[in-house]
C-alpha atoms as a PDB file:
ATOM      1  CA  MET A   1      39.053 -89.806-129.437  1.00  0.00           C
ATOM      2  CA  SER A   2      40.225 -89.242-125.861  1.00  0.00           C
ATOM      3  CA  ALA A   3      39.968 -85.966-123.988  1.00  0.00           C
ATOM      4  CA  VAL A   4      43.778 -85.850-123.797  1.00  0.00           C
ATOM      5  CA  THR A   5      44.076 -86.091-127.562  1.00  0.00           C
ATOM      6  CA  ASP A   6      41.440 -83.404-128.015  1.00  0.00           C
ATOM      7  CA  ALA A   7      43.237 -81.139-125.551  1.00  0.00           C
ATOM      8  CA  ALA A   8      46.526 -81.651-127.397  1.00  0.00           C
ATOM      9  CA  ARG A   9      44.912 -80.744-130.683  1.00  0.00           C
ATOM     10  CA  ILE A  10      43.284 -77.695-129.142  1.00  0.00           C
ATOM     11  CA  ALA A  11      46.573 -76.547-127.714  1.00  0.00           C
ATOM     12  CA  ALA A  12      48.417 -76.848-131.029  1.00  0.00           C
ATOM     13  CA  PRO A  13      49.724 -73.461-132.198  1.00  0.00           C
ATOM     14  CA  GLY A  14      48.780 -71.972-135.531  1.00  0.00           C
ATOM     15  CA  ASN A  15      46.804 -69.305-137.289  1.00  0.00           C
ATOM     16  CA  PRO A  16      44.207 -67.880-134.836  1.00  0.00           C
ATOM     17  CA  LEU A  17      41.360 -68.182-137.344  1.00  0.00           C
ATOM     18  CA  VAL A  18      42.302 -71.759-138.234  1.00  0.00           C
ATOM     19  CA  GLN A  19      42.623 -72.622-134.555  1.00  0.00           C
ATOM     20  CA  SER A  20      39.230 -71.095-133.803  1.00  0.00           C
ATOM     21  CA  ILE A  21      37.597 -73.139-136.569  1.00  0.00           C
ATOM     22  CA  ARG A  22      39.383 -76.304-135.457  1.00  0.00           C
ATOM     23  CA  ASP A  23      38.418 -75.799-131.822  1.00  0.00           C
ATOM     24  CA  SER A  24      34.802 -75.126-132.749  1.00  0.00           C
ATOM     25  CA  LEU A  25      34.633 -78.289-134.853  1.00  0.00           C
ATOM     26  CA  ILE A  26      36.130 -80.367-132.037  1.00  0.00           C
ATOM     27  CA  VAL A  27      33.512 -79.085-129.608  1.00  0.00           C
ATOM     28  CA  ALA A  28      30.779 -79.606-132.213  1.00  0.00           C
ATOM     29  CA  ARG A  29      31.933 -83.206-132.661  1.00  0.00           C
ATOM     30  CA  ARG A  30      31.814 -83.743-128.923  1.00  0.00           C
ATOM     31  CA  ASN A  31      28.231 -82.485-128.776  1.00  0.00           C
ATOM     32  CA  LEU A  32      27.139 -84.563-131.776  1.00  0.00           C
ATOM     33  CA  ILE A  33      28.545 -87.715-130.174  1.00  0.00           C
ATOM     34  CA  ARG A  34      26.711 -86.833-126.993  1.00  0.00           C
ATOM     35  CA  MET A  35      23.435 -86.316-128.891  1.00  0.00           C
ATOM     36  CA  ALA A  36      23.849 -89.652-130.668  1.00  0.00           C
ATOM     37  CA  ARG A  37      24.191 -91.381-127.295  1.00  0.00           C
ATOM     38  CA  ILE A  38      20.869 -89.892-126.138  1.00  0.00           C
ATOM     39  CA  PRO A  39      18.574 -90.719-129.109  1.00  0.00           C
ATOM     40  CA  GLU A  40      15.412 -89.927-127.158  1.00  0.00           C
ATOM     41  CA  VAL A  41      16.332 -86.234-127.328  1.00  0.00           C
ATOM     42  CA  ILE A  42      16.322 -86.394-131.129  1.00  0.00           C
ATOM     43  CA  ILE A  43      13.142 -88.484-131.192  1.00  0.00           C
ATOM     44  CA  PHE A  44      11.218 -86.114-128.928  1.00  0.00           C
ATOM     45  CA  GLY A  45      12.531 -83.209-130.988  1.00  0.00           C
ATOM     46  CA  LEU A  46      10.921 -84.803-134.058  1.00  0.00           C
ATOM     47  CA  VAL A  47       7.596 -85.657-132.427  1.00  0.00           C
ATOM     48  CA  GLN A  48       6.535 -82.079-131.627  1.00  0.00           C
ATOM     49  CA  PRO A  49       6.802 -80.604-135.149  1.00  0.00           C
ATOM     50  CA  ILE A  50       5.160 -83.698-136.658  1.00  0.00           C
ATOM     51  CA  MET A  51       2.246 -83.253-134.238  1.00  0.00           C
ATOM     52  CA  PHE A  52       1.949 -79.596-135.274  1.00  0.00           C
ATOM     53  CA  VAL A  53       1.833 -80.577-138.950  1.00  0.00           C
ATOM     54  CA  VAL A  54      -0.902 -83.159-138.446  1.00  0.00           C
ATOM     55  CA  LEU A  55      -2.980 -81.104-136.003  1.00  0.00           C
ATOM     56  CA  PHE A  56      -2.888 -77.824-137.910  1.00  0.00           C
ATOM     57  CA  SER A  57      -3.397 -79.529-141.283  1.00  0.00           C
ATOM     58  CA  TYR A  58      -6.442 -81.561-140.338  1.00  0.00           C
ATOM     59  CA  VAL A  59      -7.969 -79.595-137.453  1.00  0.00           C
ATOM     60  CA  PHE A  60      -7.718 -76.073-138.909  1.00  0.00           C
ATOM     61  CA  GLY A  61      -7.287 -76.915-142.588  1.00  0.00           C
ATOM     62  CA  GLY A  62     -10.902 -76.370-143.562  1.00  0.00           C
ATOM     63  CA  SER A  63     -11.554 -73.242-141.505  1.00  0.00           C
ATOM     64  CA  MET A  64      -8.680 -70.911-142.419  1.00  0.00           C
ATOM     65  CA  ASN A  65      -9.321 -68.404-145.207  1.00  0.00           C
ATOM     66  CA  ILE A  66      -6.200 -68.083-147.339  1.00  0.00           C
ATOM     67  CA  GLY A  67      -6.391 -66.092-150.567  1.00  0.00           C
ATOM     68  CA  GLY A  68     -10.178 -66.105-150.480  1.00  0.00           C
ATOM     69  CA  THR A  69     -10.549 -69.876-150.100  1.00  0.00           C
ATOM     70  CA  THR A  70     -10.876 -72.349-147.216  1.00  0.00           C
ATOM     71  CA  ASP A  71      -9.540 -75.248-149.286  1.00  0.00           C
ATOM     72  CA  PRO A  72      -7.563 -77.492-146.877  1.00  0.00           C
ATOM     73  CA  GLN A  73      -4.897 -78.145-149.519  1.00  0.00           C
ATOM     74  CA  VAL A  74      -4.238 -74.414-149.897  1.00  0.00           C
ATOM     75  CA  TYR A  75      -3.876 -74.057-146.134  1.00  0.00           C
ATOM     76  CA  ARG A  76      -1.454 -76.988-145.945  1.00  0.00           C
ATOM     77  CA  GLU A  77       0.827 -75.306-148.454  1.00  0.00           C
ATOM     78  CA  PHE A  78       0.447 -71.984-146.629  1.00  0.00           C
ATOM     79  CA  LEU A  79       1.126 -73.668-143.276  1.00  0.00           C
ATOM     80  CA  MET A  80       4.311 -75.595-143.934  1.00  0.00           C
ATOM     81  CA  ALA A  81       6.683 -72.634-144.186  1.00  0.00           C
ATOM     82  CA  GLY A  82       5.436 -71.559-140.750  1.00  0.00           C
ATOM     83  CA  ILE A  83       5.902 -75.040-139.282  1.00  0.00           C
ATOM     84  CA  PHE A  84       9.420 -75.286-140.721  1.00  0.00           C
ATOM     85  CA  ALA A  85      10.341 -71.889-139.272  1.00  0.00           C
ATOM     86  CA  GLN A  86       8.770 -72.691-135.908  1.00  0.00           C
ATOM     87  CA  THR A  87      10.737 -75.940-135.731  1.00  0.00           C
ATOM     88  CA  VAL A  88      14.126 -74.319-136.282  1.00  0.00           C
ATOM     89  CA  THR A  89      13.257 -71.499-133.872  1.00  0.00           C
ATOM     90  CA  PHE A  90      12.131 -73.813-131.083  1.00  0.00           C
ATOM     91  CA  ALA A  91      15.577 -75.454-131.203  1.00  0.00           C
ATOM     92  CA  THR A  92      16.655 -72.358-129.263  1.00  0.00           C
ATOM     93  CA  ALA A  93      15.218 -73.781-126.030  1.00  0.00           C
ATOM     94  CA  GLY A  94      17.253 -76.976-126.377  1.00  0.00           C
ATOM     95  CA  ALA A  95      20.447 -75.040-127.072  1.00  0.00           C
ATOM     96  CA  GLY A  96      19.969 -72.891-123.988  1.00  0.00           C
ATOM     97  CA  ALA A  97      19.219 -75.901-121.792  1.00  0.00           C
ATOM     98  CA  GLY A  98      22.306 -77.744-123.075  1.00  0.00           C
ATOM     99  CA  ILE A  99      24.628 -74.832-122.333  1.00  0.00           C
ATOM    100  CA  ALA A 100      23.030 -74.322-118.905  1.00  0.00           C
ATOM    101  CA  GLU A 101      23.574 -78.014-118.148  1.00  0.00           C
ATOM    102  CA  ASP A 102      27.255 -77.768-119.098  1.00  0.00           C
ATOM    103  CA  MET A 103      27.542 -74.726-116.838  1.00  0.00           C
ATOM    104  CA  HIS A 104      25.776 -76.510-113.984  1.00  0.00           C
ATOM    105  CA  LYS A 105      28.101 -79.536-114.228  1.00  0.00           C
ATOM    106  CA  GLY A 106      31.236 -77.379-114.373  1.00  0.00           C
ATOM    107  CA  LEU A 107      32.136 -78.471-117.889  1.00  0.00           C
ATOM    108  CA  ILE A 108      32.341 -74.893-119.113  1.00  0.00           C
ATOM    109  CA  ASP A 109      34.949 -74.124-116.451  1.00  0.00           C
ATOM    110  CA  ARG A 110      37.055 -77.075-117.626  1.00  0.00           C
ATOM    111  CA  PHE A 111      36.835 -75.870-121.210  1.00  0.00           C
ATOM    112  CA  ARG A 112      37.849 -72.360-120.180  1.00  0.00           C
ATOM    113  CA  SER A 113      40.966 -73.746-118.501  1.00  0.00           C
ATOM    114  CA  LEU A 114      42.193 -75.084-121.851  1.00  0.00           C
ATOM    115  CA  PRO A 115      44.243 -72.971-124.320  1.00  0.00           C
ATOM    116  CA  MET A 116      41.427 -72.881-126.853  1.00  0.00           C
ATOM    117  CA  ALA A 117      39.879 -70.078-128.871  1.00  0.00           C
ATOM    118  CA  ARG A 118      37.416 -67.953-126.966  1.00  0.00           C
ATOM    119  CA  GLY A 119      33.896 -68.577-128.176  1.00  0.00           C
ATOM    120  CA  ALA A 120      34.764 -71.985-129.653  1.00  0.00           C
ATOM    121  CA  VAL A 121      32.718 -73.780-126.984  1.00  0.00           C
ATOM    122  CA  LEU A 122      29.618 -71.786-127.843  1.00  0.00           C
ATOM    123  CA  THR A 123      30.199 -71.938-131.596  1.00  0.00           C
ATOM    124  CA  GLY A 124      30.722 -75.685-131.423  1.00  0.00           C
ATOM    125  CA  ARG A 125      27.528 -76.131-129.443  1.00  0.00           C
ATOM    126  CA  THR A 126      25.465 -74.036-131.869  1.00  0.00           C
ATOM    127  CA  LEU A 127      26.928 -75.886-134.871  1.00  0.00           C
ATOM    128  CA  ALA A 128      25.970 -79.228-133.332  1.00  0.00           C
ATOM    129  CA  ASP A 129      22.452 -77.924-132.743  1.00  0.00           C
ATOM    130  CA  LEU A 130      22.376 -76.787-136.382  1.00  0.00           C
ATOM    131  CA  VAL A 131      23.132 -80.341-137.550  1.00  0.00           C
ATOM    132  CA  GLN A 132      20.334 -81.700-135.369  1.00  0.00           C
ATOM    133  CA  THR A 133      17.965 -79.046-136.717  1.00  0.00           C
ATOM    134  CA  ALA A 134      18.853 -79.983-140.302  1.00  0.00           C
ATOM    135  CA  LEU A 135      18.012 -83.626-139.548  1.00  0.00           C
ATOM    136  CA  THR A 136      14.688 -82.567-138.032  1.00  0.00           C
ATOM    137  CA  LEU A 137      13.850 -80.454-141.090  1.00  0.00           C
ATOM    138  CA  LEU A 138      14.592 -83.377-143.388  1.00  0.00           C
ATOM    139  CA  VAL A 139      12.211 -85.686-141.533  1.00  0.00           C
ATOM    140  CA  LEU A 140       9.596 -82.948-141.274  1.00  0.00           C
ATOM    141  CA  ALA A 141       9.746 -82.284-145.023  1.00  0.00           C
ATOM    142  CA  VAL A 142       9.004 -85.952-145.691  1.00  0.00           C
ATOM    143  CA  VAL A 143       6.002 -85.825-143.340  1.00  0.00           C
ATOM    144  CA  ALA A 144       4.813 -82.614-145.022  1.00  0.00           C
ATOM    145  CA  LEU A 145       4.916 -84.290-148.429  1.00  0.00           C
ATOM    146  CA  LEU A 146       2.860 -87.171-147.039  1.00  0.00           C
ATOM    147  CA  VAL A 147       0.083 -84.830-145.849  1.00  0.00           C
ATOM    148  CA  GLY A 148      -0.093 -83.047-149.198  1.00  0.00           C
ATOM    149  CA  TRP A 149       2.447 -80.197-149.114  1.00  0.00           C
ATOM    150  CA  ARG A 150       4.008 -79.411-152.482  1.00  0.00           C
ATOM    151  CA  THR A 151       6.488 -76.883-153.840  1.00  0.00           C
ATOM    152  CA  HIS A 152       5.995 -75.124-157.182  1.00  0.00           C
ATOM    153  CA  THR A 153       9.462 -73.765-157.928  1.00  0.00           C
ATOM    154  CA  GLY A 154      12.824 -75.184-158.950  1.00  0.00           C
ATOM    155  CA  ALA A 155      15.237 -77.148-156.819  1.00  0.00           C
ATOM    156  CA  GLY A 156      17.461 -74.080-156.385  1.00  0.00           C
ATOM    157  CA  GLU A 157      14.691 -72.016-154.822  1.00  0.00           C
ATOM    158  CA  VAL A 158      13.662 -74.880-152.520  1.00  0.00           C
ATOM    159  CA  LEU A 159      17.237 -75.383-151.324  1.00  0.00           C
ATOM    160  CA  ALA A 160      17.579 -71.619-150.801  1.00  0.00           C
ATOM    161  CA  ALA A 161      14.456 -71.676-148.622  1.00  0.00           C
ATOM    162  CA  PHE A 162      15.874 -74.429-146.426  1.00  0.00           C
ATOM    163  CA  GLY A 163      19.145 -72.527-146.285  1.00  0.00           C
ATOM    164  CA  LEU A 164      17.299 -69.462-144.985  1.00  0.00           C
ATOM    165  CA  LEU A 165      15.556 -71.638-142.404  1.00  0.00           C
ATOM    166  CA  LEU A 166      18.841 -73.046-141.134  1.00  0.00           C
ATOM    167  CA  LEU A 167      20.430 -69.601-141.014  1.00  0.00           C
ATOM    168  CA  SER A 168      17.460 -68.238-139.077  1.00  0.00           C
ATOM    169  CA  GLY A 169      17.538 -71.205-136.710  1.00  0.00           C
ATOM    170  CA  TYR A 170      21.273 -70.741-136.166  1.00  0.00           C
ATOM    171  CA  ALA A 171      20.704 -67.058-135.390  1.00  0.00           C
ATOM    172  CA  PHE A 172      18.014 -67.798-132.803  1.00  0.00           C
ATOM    173  CA  THR A 173      20.249 -70.463-131.248  1.00  0.00           C
ATOM    174  CA  TRP A 174      22.593 -67.662-130.140  1.00  0.00           C
ATOM    175  CA  ILE A 175      19.698 -66.140-128.214  1.00  0.00           C
ATOM    176  CA  GLY A 176      19.374 -69.518-126.505  1.00  0.00           C
ATOM    177  CA  ALA A 177      23.096 -69.440-125.718  1.00  0.00           C
ATOM    178  CA  VAL A 178      22.728 -66.091-123.958  1.00  0.00           C
ATOM    179  CA  ILE A 179      19.786 -67.438-121.942  1.00  0.00           C
ATOM    180  CA  GLY A 180      21.687 -70.617-121.047  1.00  0.00           C
ATOM    181  CA  LEU A 181      24.631 -68.594-119.758  1.00  0.00           C
ATOM    182  CA  SER A 182      22.349 -66.265-117.786  1.00  0.00           C
ATOM    183  CA  VAL A 183      20.470 -68.808-115.654  1.00  0.00           C
ATOM    184  CA  ARG A 184      21.502 -71.304-113.012  1.00  0.00           C
ATOM    185  CA  THR A 185      19.770 -74.516-114.094  1.00  0.00           C
ATOM    186  CA  PRO A 186      18.785 -76.286-117.343  1.00  0.00           C
ATOM    187  CA  GLU A 187      15.139 -76.170-116.243  1.00  0.00           C
ATOM    188  CA  ALA A 188      15.269 -72.395-115.991  1.00  0.00           C
ATOM    189  CA  ALA A 189      16.900 -72.202-119.419  1.00  0.00           C
ATOM    190  CA  THR A 190      14.138 -74.315-120.962  1.00  0.00           C
ATOM    191  CA  SER A 191      11.410 -72.200-119.367  1.00  0.00           C
ATOM    192  CA  GLY A 192      13.172 -68.956-120.256  1.00  0.00           C
ATOM    193  CA  GLY A 193      13.617 -70.109-123.827  1.00  0.00           C
ATOM    194  CA  LEU A 194       9.962 -70.987-124.335  1.00  0.00           C
ATOM    195  CA  VAL A 195       8.466 -67.892-122.686  1.00  0.00           C
ATOM    196  CA  TRP A 196       9.492 -65.544-125.501  1.00  0.00           C
ATOM    197  CA  LEU A 197       9.281 -68.117-128.312  1.00  0.00           C
ATOM    198  CA  PHE A 198       5.511 -68.473-128.201  1.00  0.00           C
ATOM    199  CA  PRO A 199       4.681 -64.793-128.824  1.00  0.00           C
ATOM    200  CA  VAL A 200       7.406 -64.553-131.485  1.00  0.00           C
ATOM    201  CA  THR A 201       6.081 -67.538-133.427  1.00  0.00           C
ATOM    202  CA  PHE A 202       2.342 -66.982-132.957  1.00  0.00           C
ATOM    203  CA  VAL A 203       2.245 -63.183-133.390  1.00  0.00           C
ATOM    204  CA  SER A 204       3.388 -63.686-136.948  1.00  0.00           C
ATOM    205  CA  ASN A 205       2.232 -64.830-140.363  1.00  0.00           C
ATOM    206  CA  ALA A 206       3.119 -68.466-139.667  1.00  0.00           C
ATOM    207  CA  PHE A 207      -0.378 -69.846-139.122  1.00  0.00           C
ATOM    208  CA  VAL A 208      -2.785 -67.091-140.161  1.00  0.00           C
ATOM    209  CA  ASP A 209      -2.958 -64.333-142.754  1.00  0.00           C
ATOM    210  CA  THR A 210      -1.791 -61.117-141.080  1.00  0.00           C
ATOM    211  CA  GLY A 211      -4.333 -59.249-143.226  1.00  0.00           C
ATOM    212  CA  GLN A 212      -7.008 -60.578-140.868  1.00  0.00           C
ATOM    213  CA  MET A 213      -5.351 -59.084-137.766  1.00  0.00           C
ATOM    214  CA  THR A 214      -6.146 -55.731-136.154  1.00  0.00           C
ATOM    215  CA  PRO A 215      -3.898 -52.971-137.607  1.00  0.00           C
ATOM    216  CA  TRP A 216      -1.570 -52.586-134.594  1.00  0.00           C
ATOM    217  CA  LEU A 217      -1.073 -56.350-134.243  1.00  0.00           C
ATOM    218  CA  ARG A 218      -0.559 -56.744-137.984  1.00  0.00           C
ATOM    219  CA  HIS A 219       2.184 -54.110-137.878  1.00  0.00           C
ATOM    220  CA  ILE A 220       4.007 -56.028-135.142  1.00  0.00           C
ATOM    221  CA  ALA A 221       3.604 -59.329-136.968  1.00  0.00           C
ATOM    222  CA  GLU A 222       4.887 -57.951-140.269  1.00  0.00           C
ATOM    223  CA  TRP A 223       8.061 -56.559-138.688  1.00  0.00           C
ATOM    224  CA  ASN A 224       8.669 -59.729-136.710  1.00  0.00           C
ATOM    225  CA  PRO A 225      11.968 -61.322-137.909  1.00  0.00           C
ATOM    226  CA  PHE A 226      10.258 -64.695-137.759  1.00  0.00           C
ATOM    227  CA  SER A 227       7.569 -63.508-140.208  1.00  0.00           C
ATOM    228  CA  ALA A 228      10.199 -62.417-142.737  1.00  0.00           C
ATOM    229  CA  THR A 229      11.677 -65.920-142.840  1.00  0.00           C
ATOM    230  CA  VAL A 230       8.247 -67.523-143.163  1.00  0.00           C
ATOM    231  CA  GLN A 231       7.215 -65.227-146.026  1.00  0.00           C
ATOM    232  CA  ALA A 232      10.579 -65.704-147.759  1.00  0.00           C
ATOM    233  CA  CYS A 233      10.150 -69.478-147.651  1.00  0.00           C
ATOM    234  CA  ARG A 234       6.632 -69.230-149.069  1.00  0.00           C
ATOM    235  CA  GLU A 235       7.943 -67.232-152.007  1.00  0.00           C
ATOM    236  CA  LEU A 236      10.818 -69.623-152.602  1.00  0.00           C
ATOM    237  CA  PHE A 237       8.551 -72.677-152.291  1.00  0.00           C
ATOM    238  CA  GLY A 238       5.926 -71.096-154.527  1.00  0.00           C
ATOM    239  CA  ASN A 239       3.290 -71.568-151.807  1.00  0.00           C
ATOM    240  CA  PRO A 240       0.339 -69.243-151.040  1.00  0.00           C
ATOM    241  CA  GLY A 241       1.324 -66.175-149.026  1.00  0.00           C
ATOM    242  CA  VAL A 242      -0.344 -63.504-146.924  1.00  0.00           C
ATOM    243  CA  SER A 243      -2.373 -60.546-148.156  1.00  0.00           C
ATOM    244  CA  PRO A 244      -0.383 -57.755-149.900  1.00  0.00           C
ATOM    245  CA  SER A 245       1.316 -55.409-147.453  1.00  0.00           C
ATOM    246  CA  ASP A 246       3.165 -52.109-147.527  1.00  0.00           C
ATOM    247  CA  ALA A 247       5.627 -53.287-144.843  1.00  0.00           C
ATOM    248  CA  TRP A 248       9.170 -53.505-146.247  1.00  0.00           C
ATOM    249  CA  PRO A 249       9.927 -56.969-144.774  1.00  0.00           C
ATOM    250  CA  MET A 250       6.844 -58.406-146.486  1.00  0.00           C
ATOM    251  CA  GLN A 251       7.753 -56.813-149.820  1.00  0.00           C
ATOM    252  CA  HIS A 252      11.376 -58.000-149.635  1.00  0.00           C
ATOM    253  CA  PRO A 253      11.180 -61.061-147.348  1.00  0.00           C
ATOM    254  CA  VAL A 254      14.344 -62.826-148.549  1.00  0.00           C
ATOM    255  CA  GLY A 255      16.522 -59.764-147.974  1.00  0.00           C
ATOM    256  CA  ALA A 256      14.758 -58.981-144.685  1.00  0.00           C
ATOM    257  CA  SER A 257      15.288 -62.545-143.445  1.00  0.00           C
ATOM    258  CA  LEU A 258      18.996 -62.409-144.272  1.00  0.00           C
ATOM    259  CA  ILE A 259      19.424 -59.016-142.595  1.00  0.00           C
ATOM    260  CA  TRP A 260      17.548 -60.059-139.447  1.00  0.00           C
ATOM    261  CA  SER A 261      19.515 -63.321-139.160  1.00  0.00           C
ATOM    262  CA  VAL A 262      22.910 -61.651-139.556  1.00  0.00           C
ATOM    263  CA  LEU A 263      22.021 -58.903-137.055  1.00  0.00           C
ATOM    264  CA  ILE A 264      20.810 -61.436-134.483  1.00  0.00           C
ATOM    265  CA  ILE A 265      23.999 -63.487-134.867  1.00  0.00           C
ATOM    266  CA  LEU A 266      26.251 -60.443-134.533  1.00  0.00           C
ATOM    267  CA  VAL A 267      24.456 -59.052-131.480  1.00  0.00           C
ATOM    268  CA  PHE A 268      23.769 -62.218-129.538  1.00  0.00           C
ATOM    269  CA  ARG A 269      27.034 -63.980-130.352  1.00  0.00           C
ATOM    270  CA  THR A 270      28.858 -60.951-128.965  1.00  0.00           C
ATOM    271  CA  LEU A 271      26.711 -61.019-125.813  1.00  0.00           C
ATOM    272  CA  ALA A 272      27.128 -64.777-125.426  1.00  0.00           C
ATOM    273  CA  VAL A 273      30.920 -64.675-125.718  1.00  0.00           C
ATOM    274  CA  ARG A 274      31.081 -61.856-123.152  1.00  0.00           C
ATOM    275  CA  LYS A 275      28.935 -63.851-120.732  1.00  0.00           C
ATOM    276  CA  TYR A 276      31.036 -66.948-121.356  1.00  0.00           C
ATOM    277  CA  ARG A 277      34.200 -65.057-120.435  1.00  0.00           C
ATOM    278  CA  SER A 278      32.714 -63.710-117.227  1.00  0.00           C
ATOM    279  CA  ALA A 279      30.707 -66.776-116.159  1.00  0.00           C
ATOM    280  CA  GLY A 280      31.901 -68.170-112.888  1.00  0.00           C
ATOM    281  CA  SER A 281      34.570 -65.478-112.492  1.00  0.00           C
END
């Protein structure tokens, strides 16, 4: 579809909510077409999580004490929820770099000159990233099954776990959008996105039992939004979890994950839209 046709559709009058949804979907389609034309981006996005699965499963599998055992199979089932959550969270860096690149090339300014819903450009971009993340999760789940990961609950619980993962990933993508709108180059957005992602994902219950941490570090890890999603997925998958904790997010991980994700979306989407309006002005 040509840019002229897209612009005409964007400009069509109608209900503001319907127009906002339509505009967001048009932008999402544009980004998905762009991703499909650069397959190496998708391929490299798949390689990293697969490497994490293989390395953590076989390098650390026999040395981690989970539930009183160092059985590698137990650790693989404990590990996978953390790998899934890390994968969707790391998509934040790509989202920020993509938005920064559009800013750098002046594409955002061209979008802002069109009579389209405010925030549709950012929403469309994050939706496209969500589709790519879902594809990555699908491939990663197949790899996890090959290395011995298994679920022990019904299909409904498993699908709910992946739904939580996608919601959490979508929430963190809005943090990437704020970073992408705040820097001058895609390289800076990538670096800025990774700097905070490593402590968030590693100071958590993703790869180790928080019960083995020092008290102050365990407290931080247990209230980490990332940890809530990981623990929720373990419960929904029926996989081994961390040691019992008095922290509310660890006692109610599904609810905590939902609350954290919604709060992050509300806060950072608001910030991103404000930055989008003022960018380049």
